Amino acid sequence: ASGLFARASRLAPHSKEAWLGRGALAQDEGDLESASLHLSRALREEACCWRAGINLGNLAAMRGDLTSAARAYRHVLRCTPHVPQA
């Protein structure tokens, strides 16, 4: 799956879904730095992507960076107050 998401992000570099997929896989593999980079890219492609924002907050919390985690969660709440996961 990793190769498929990498290929998708090359073929469609503005695809939020491709970057979300790469981020999720990197996180599952324990590569938190790559996960953060890919999820940040997904958020650049769609500023109110709640899945990227929540996962970035979770990654920041895992690193012990509670300020960044709170910032990411607040962003999600501001952008998507109608989403139950937010």
N, C-alpha and C. Protein backbone atom coordinates (compact mmCIF):
# COMPACT_ATOMS: atom_id res chain seq x y z
N ALA A 1 0.82 -1.20 0.00
CA ALA A 1 0.00 0.00 0.00
C ALA A 1 0.86 1.25 0.00
N SER A 2 2.00 1.17 0.66
CA SER A 2 2.87 2.34 0.73
C SER A 2 3.28 2.82 -0.66
N GLY A 3 3.63 1.88 -1.52
CA GLY A 3 4.02 2.24 -2.88
C GLY A 3 2.87 2.84 -3.66
N LEU A 4 1.67 2.36 -3.42
CA LEU A 4 0.50 2.89 -4.13
C LEU A 4 0.23 4.34 -3.73
N PHE A 5 0.30 4.64 -2.43
CA PHE A 5 0.07 6.01 -1.99
C PHE A 5 1.20 6.93 -2.45
N ALA A 6 2.42 6.43 -2.47
CA ALA A 6 3.55 7.23 -2.97
C ALA A 6 3.35 7.55 -4.44
N ARG A 7 2.93 6.55 -5.20
CA ARG A 7 2.67 6.78 -6.62
C ARG A 7 1.51 7.75 -6.81
N ALA A 8 0.46 7.58 -6.02
CA ALA A 8 -0.70 8.47 -6.12
C ALA A 8 -0.30 9.91 -5.83
N SER A 9 0.56 10.11 -4.84
CA SER A 9 0.96 11.48 -4.50
C SER A 9 1.87 12.08 -5.56
N ARG A 10 2.59 11.23 -6.31
CA ARG A 10 3.39 11.74 -7.44
C ARG A 10 2.50 12.09 -8.63
N LEU A 11 1.51 11.23 -8.90
CA LEU A 11 0.63 11.44 -10.05
C LEU A 11 -0.39 12.55 -9.80
N ALA A 12 -0.81 12.69 -8.56
CA ALA A 12 -1.80 13.70 -8.20
C ALA A 12 -1.31 14.42 -6.94
N PRO A 13 -0.31 15.30 -7.09
CA PRO A 13 0.31 15.91 -5.91
C PRO A 13 -0.63 16.79 -5.09
N HIS A 14 -1.78 17.14 -5.62
CA HIS A 14 -2.73 17.96 -4.88
C HIS A 14 -3.85 17.12 -4.28
N SER A 15 -3.66 15.80 -4.26
CA SER A 15 -4.66 14.89 -3.71
C SER A 15 -4.49 14.76 -2.19
N LYS A 16 -5.42 15.34 -1.47
CA LYS A 16 -5.42 15.23 -0.01
C LYS A 16 -5.44 13.77 0.41
N GLU A 17 -6.21 12.95 -0.28
CA GLU A 17 -6.35 11.54 0.08
C GLU A 17 -5.02 10.79 -0.05
N ALA A 18 -4.24 11.10 -1.08
CA ALA A 18 -2.95 10.44 -1.25
C ALA A 18 -2.02 10.76 -0.07
N TRP A 19 -2.00 12.03 0.33
CA TRP A 19 -1.13 12.42 1.44
C TRP A 19 -1.64 11.88 2.77
N LEU A 20 -2.95 11.82 2.94
CA LEU A 20 -3.52 11.20 4.15
C LEU A 20 -3.11 9.73 4.24
N GLY A 21 -3.20 9.05 3.12
CA GLY A 21 -2.81 7.64 3.09
C GLY A 21 -1.35 7.43 3.44
N ARG A 22 -0.50 8.26 2.86
CA ARG A 22 0.93 8.15 3.16
C ARG A 22 1.19 8.43 4.64
N GLY A 23 0.50 9.43 5.17
CA GLY A 23 0.67 9.77 6.57
C GLY A 23 0.21 8.65 7.50
N ALA A 24 -0.93 8.08 7.19
CA ALA A 24 -1.46 6.99 8.03
C ALA A 24 -0.53 5.79 8.01
N LEU A 25 -0.03 5.44 6.83
CA LEU A 25 0.88 4.30 6.74
C LEU A 25 2.18 4.56 7.48
N ALA A 26 2.72 5.76 7.32
CA ALA A 26 3.96 6.10 8.02
C ALA A 26 3.75 6.03 9.53
N GLN A 27 2.60 6.52 9.99
CA GLN A 27 2.31 6.46 11.42
C GLN A 27 2.21 5.01 11.89
N ASP A 28 1.53 4.18 11.12
CA ASP A 28 1.40 2.76 11.46
C ASP A 28 2.76 2.07 11.52
N GLU A 29 3.70 2.52 10.68
CA GLU A 29 5.04 1.93 10.64
C GLU A 29 5.96 2.53 11.70
N GLY A 30 5.46 3.51 12.45
CA GLY A 30 6.26 4.12 13.50
C GLY A 30 7.16 5.24 13.03
N ASP A 31 7.03 5.65 11.78
CA ASP A 31 7.83 6.75 11.24
C ASP A 31 7.06 8.05 11.44
N LEU A 32 7.13 8.57 12.67
CA LEU A 32 6.32 9.72 13.04
C LEU A 32 6.73 11.00 12.32
N GLU A 33 8.00 11.13 12.00
CA GLU A 33 8.46 12.33 11.28
C GLU A 33 7.85 12.37 9.87
N SER A 34 7.93 11.24 9.15
CA SER A 34 7.33 11.19 7.82
C SER A 34 5.82 11.35 7.90
N ALA A 35 5.21 10.73 8.90
CA ALA A 35 3.76 10.85 9.06
C ALA A 35 3.38 12.32 9.21
N SER A 36 4.11 13.04 10.02
CA SER A 36 3.83 14.46 10.24
C SER A 36 3.98 15.26 8.95
N LEU A 37 5.03 14.96 8.19
CA LEU A 37 5.24 15.67 6.92
C LEU A 37 4.11 15.40 5.94
N HIS A 38 3.70 14.15 5.81
CA HIS A 38 2.65 13.80 4.86
C HIS A 38 1.30 14.38 5.29
N LEU A 39 1.01 14.32 6.58
CA LEU A 39 -0.26 14.87 7.06
C LEU A 39 -0.29 16.39 6.94
N SER A 40 0.85 17.02 7.14
CA SER A 40 0.93 18.48 6.94
C SER A 40 0.66 18.82 5.48
N ARG A 41 1.16 18.00 4.58
CA ARG A 41 0.91 18.23 3.16
C ARG A 41 -0.58 18.06 2.85
N ALA A 42 -1.22 17.08 3.44
CA ALA A 42 -2.67 16.90 3.25
C ALA A 42 -3.41 18.14 3.73
N LEU A 43 -2.98 18.70 4.84
CA LEU A 43 -3.62 19.90 5.38
C LEU A 43 -3.38 21.11 4.49
N ARG A 44 -2.22 21.17 3.84
CA ARG A 44 -1.98 22.26 2.88
C ARG A 44 -2.89 22.13 1.67
N GLU A 45 -3.18 20.90 1.28
CA GLU A 45 -4.05 20.69 0.12
C GLU A 45 -5.51 21.00 0.45
N GLU A 46 -5.91 20.74 1.69
CA GLU A 46 -7.26 21.08 2.13
C GLU A 46 -7.16 21.58 3.56
N ALA A 47 -7.22 22.90 3.71
CA ALA A 47 -6.95 23.54 5.00
C ALA A 47 -7.85 23.06 6.13
N CYS A 48 -9.03 22.58 5.82
CA CYS A 48 -9.95 22.13 6.87
C CYS A 48 -10.12 20.62 6.86
N CYS A 49 -9.08 19.90 6.51
CA CYS A 49 -9.14 18.43 6.53
C CYS A 49 -9.03 17.96 7.98
N TRP A 50 -10.17 17.60 8.54
CA TRP A 50 -10.20 17.26 9.97
C TRP A 50 -9.37 16.02 10.29
N ARG A 51 -9.32 15.06 9.37
CA ARG A 51 -8.53 13.85 9.65
C ARG A 51 -7.05 14.18 9.78
N ALA A 52 -6.54 15.03 8.89
CA ALA A 52 -5.13 15.42 8.97
C ALA A 52 -4.88 16.21 10.25
N GLY A 53 -5.78 17.14 10.57
CA GLY A 53 -5.60 17.96 11.77
C GLY A 53 -5.61 17.14 13.04
N ILE A 54 -6.55 16.23 13.16
CA ILE A 54 -6.60 15.39 14.36
C ILE A 54 -5.36 14.51 14.47
N ASN A 55 -4.95 13.91 13.36
CA ASN A 55 -3.76 13.06 13.40
C ASN A 55 -2.50 13.85 13.70
N LEU A 56 -2.40 15.07 13.17
CA LEU A 56 -1.25 15.92 13.50
C LEU A 56 -1.26 16.26 14.99
N GLY A 57 -2.44 16.53 15.53
CA GLY A 57 -2.53 16.77 16.97
C GLY A 57 -2.12 15.56 17.77
N ASN A 58 -2.56 14.39 17.34
CA ASN A 58 -2.18 13.15 18.04
C ASN A 58 -0.67 12.92 17.99
N LEU A 59 -0.07 13.17 16.83
CA LEU A 59 1.38 13.00 16.70
C LEU A 59 2.12 13.97 17.61
N ALA A 60 1.66 15.21 17.65
CA ALA A 60 2.30 16.20 18.53
C ALA A 60 2.18 15.77 19.99
N ALA A 61 1.02 15.26 20.38
CA ALA A 61 0.83 14.79 21.75
C ALA A 61 1.76 13.62 22.05
N MET A 62 1.94 12.72 21.09
CA MET A 62 2.84 11.58 21.28
C MET A 62 4.28 12.04 21.50
N ARG A 63 4.64 13.16 20.85
CA ARG A 63 5.99 13.71 21.03
C ARG A 63 6.10 14.52 22.32
N GLY A 64 4.97 14.72 23.00
CA GLY A 64 4.98 15.52 24.22
C GLY A 64 4.83 17.01 23.97
N ASP A 65 4.55 17.39 22.73
CA ASP A 65 4.38 18.80 22.37
C ASP A 65 2.90 19.16 22.49
N LEU A 66 2.48 19.40 23.72
CA LEU A 66 1.06 19.63 23.98
C LEU A 66 0.57 20.97 23.42
N THR A 67 1.46 21.94 23.29
CA THR A 67 1.08 23.23 22.70
C THR A 67 0.69 23.04 21.24
N SER A 68 1.51 22.31 20.50
CA SER A 68 1.20 22.06 19.08
C SER A 68 -0.03 21.18 18.94
N ALA A 69 -0.17 20.22 19.83
CA ALA A 69 -1.35 19.35 19.80
C ALA A 69 -2.61 20.18 20.00
N ALA A 70 -2.62 21.04 21.00
CA ALA A 70 -3.79 21.88 21.26
C ALA A 70 -4.07 22.80 20.07
N ARG A 71 -3.02 23.34 19.47
CA ARG A 71 -3.19 24.21 18.29
C ARG A 71 -3.84 23.44 17.15
N ALA A 72 -3.41 22.23 16.91
CA ALA A 72 -3.98 21.42 15.83
C ALA A 72 -5.45 21.09 16.11
N TYR A 73 -5.75 20.73 17.34
CA TYR A 73 -7.14 20.40 17.69
C TYR A 73 -8.04 21.63 17.58
N ARG A 74 -7.54 22.79 18.04
CA ARG A 74 -8.35 24.02 17.93
C ARG A 74 -8.62 24.37 16.47
N HIS A 75 -7.62 24.16 15.62
CA HIS A 75 -7.80 24.42 14.19
C HIS A 75 -8.93 23.56 13.63
N VAL A 76 -8.93 22.29 13.99
CA VAL A 76 -9.97 21.37 13.53
C VAL A 76 -11.34 21.84 14.02
N LEU A 77 -11.42 22.22 15.28
CA LEU A 77 -12.70 22.67 15.83
C LEU A 77 -13.21 23.94 15.15
N ARG A 78 -12.30 24.86 14.84
CA ARG A 78 -12.69 26.10 14.15
C ARG A 78 -13.16 25.81 12.73
N CYS A 79 -12.44 24.94 12.04
CA CYS A 79 -12.72 24.66 10.64
C CYS A 79 -13.96 23.79 10.44
N THR A 80 -14.12 22.82 11.32
CA THR A 80 -15.16 21.82 11.10
C THR A 80 -15.96 21.56 12.37
N PRO A 81 -16.65 22.58 12.88
CA PRO A 81 -17.39 22.36 14.13
C PRO A 81 -18.55 21.37 13.99
N HIS A 82 -18.95 21.10 12.76
CA HIS A 82 -20.07 20.20 12.50
C HIS A 82 -19.67 18.72 12.44
N VAL A 83 -18.37 18.44 12.47
CA VAL A 83 -17.88 17.07 12.37
C VAL A 83 -17.82 16.46 13.77
N PRO A 84 -18.53 15.37 14.00
CA PRO A 84 -18.55 14.78 15.36
C PRO A 84 -17.17 14.40 15.87
N GLN A 85 -16.26 13.96 15.00
CA GLN A 85 -14.92 13.55 15.42
C GLN A 85 -14.12 14.74 15.95
N ALA A 86 -14.48 15.93 15.51
CA ALA A 86 -13.77 17.13 15.96
C ALA A 86 -14.14 17.41 17.40
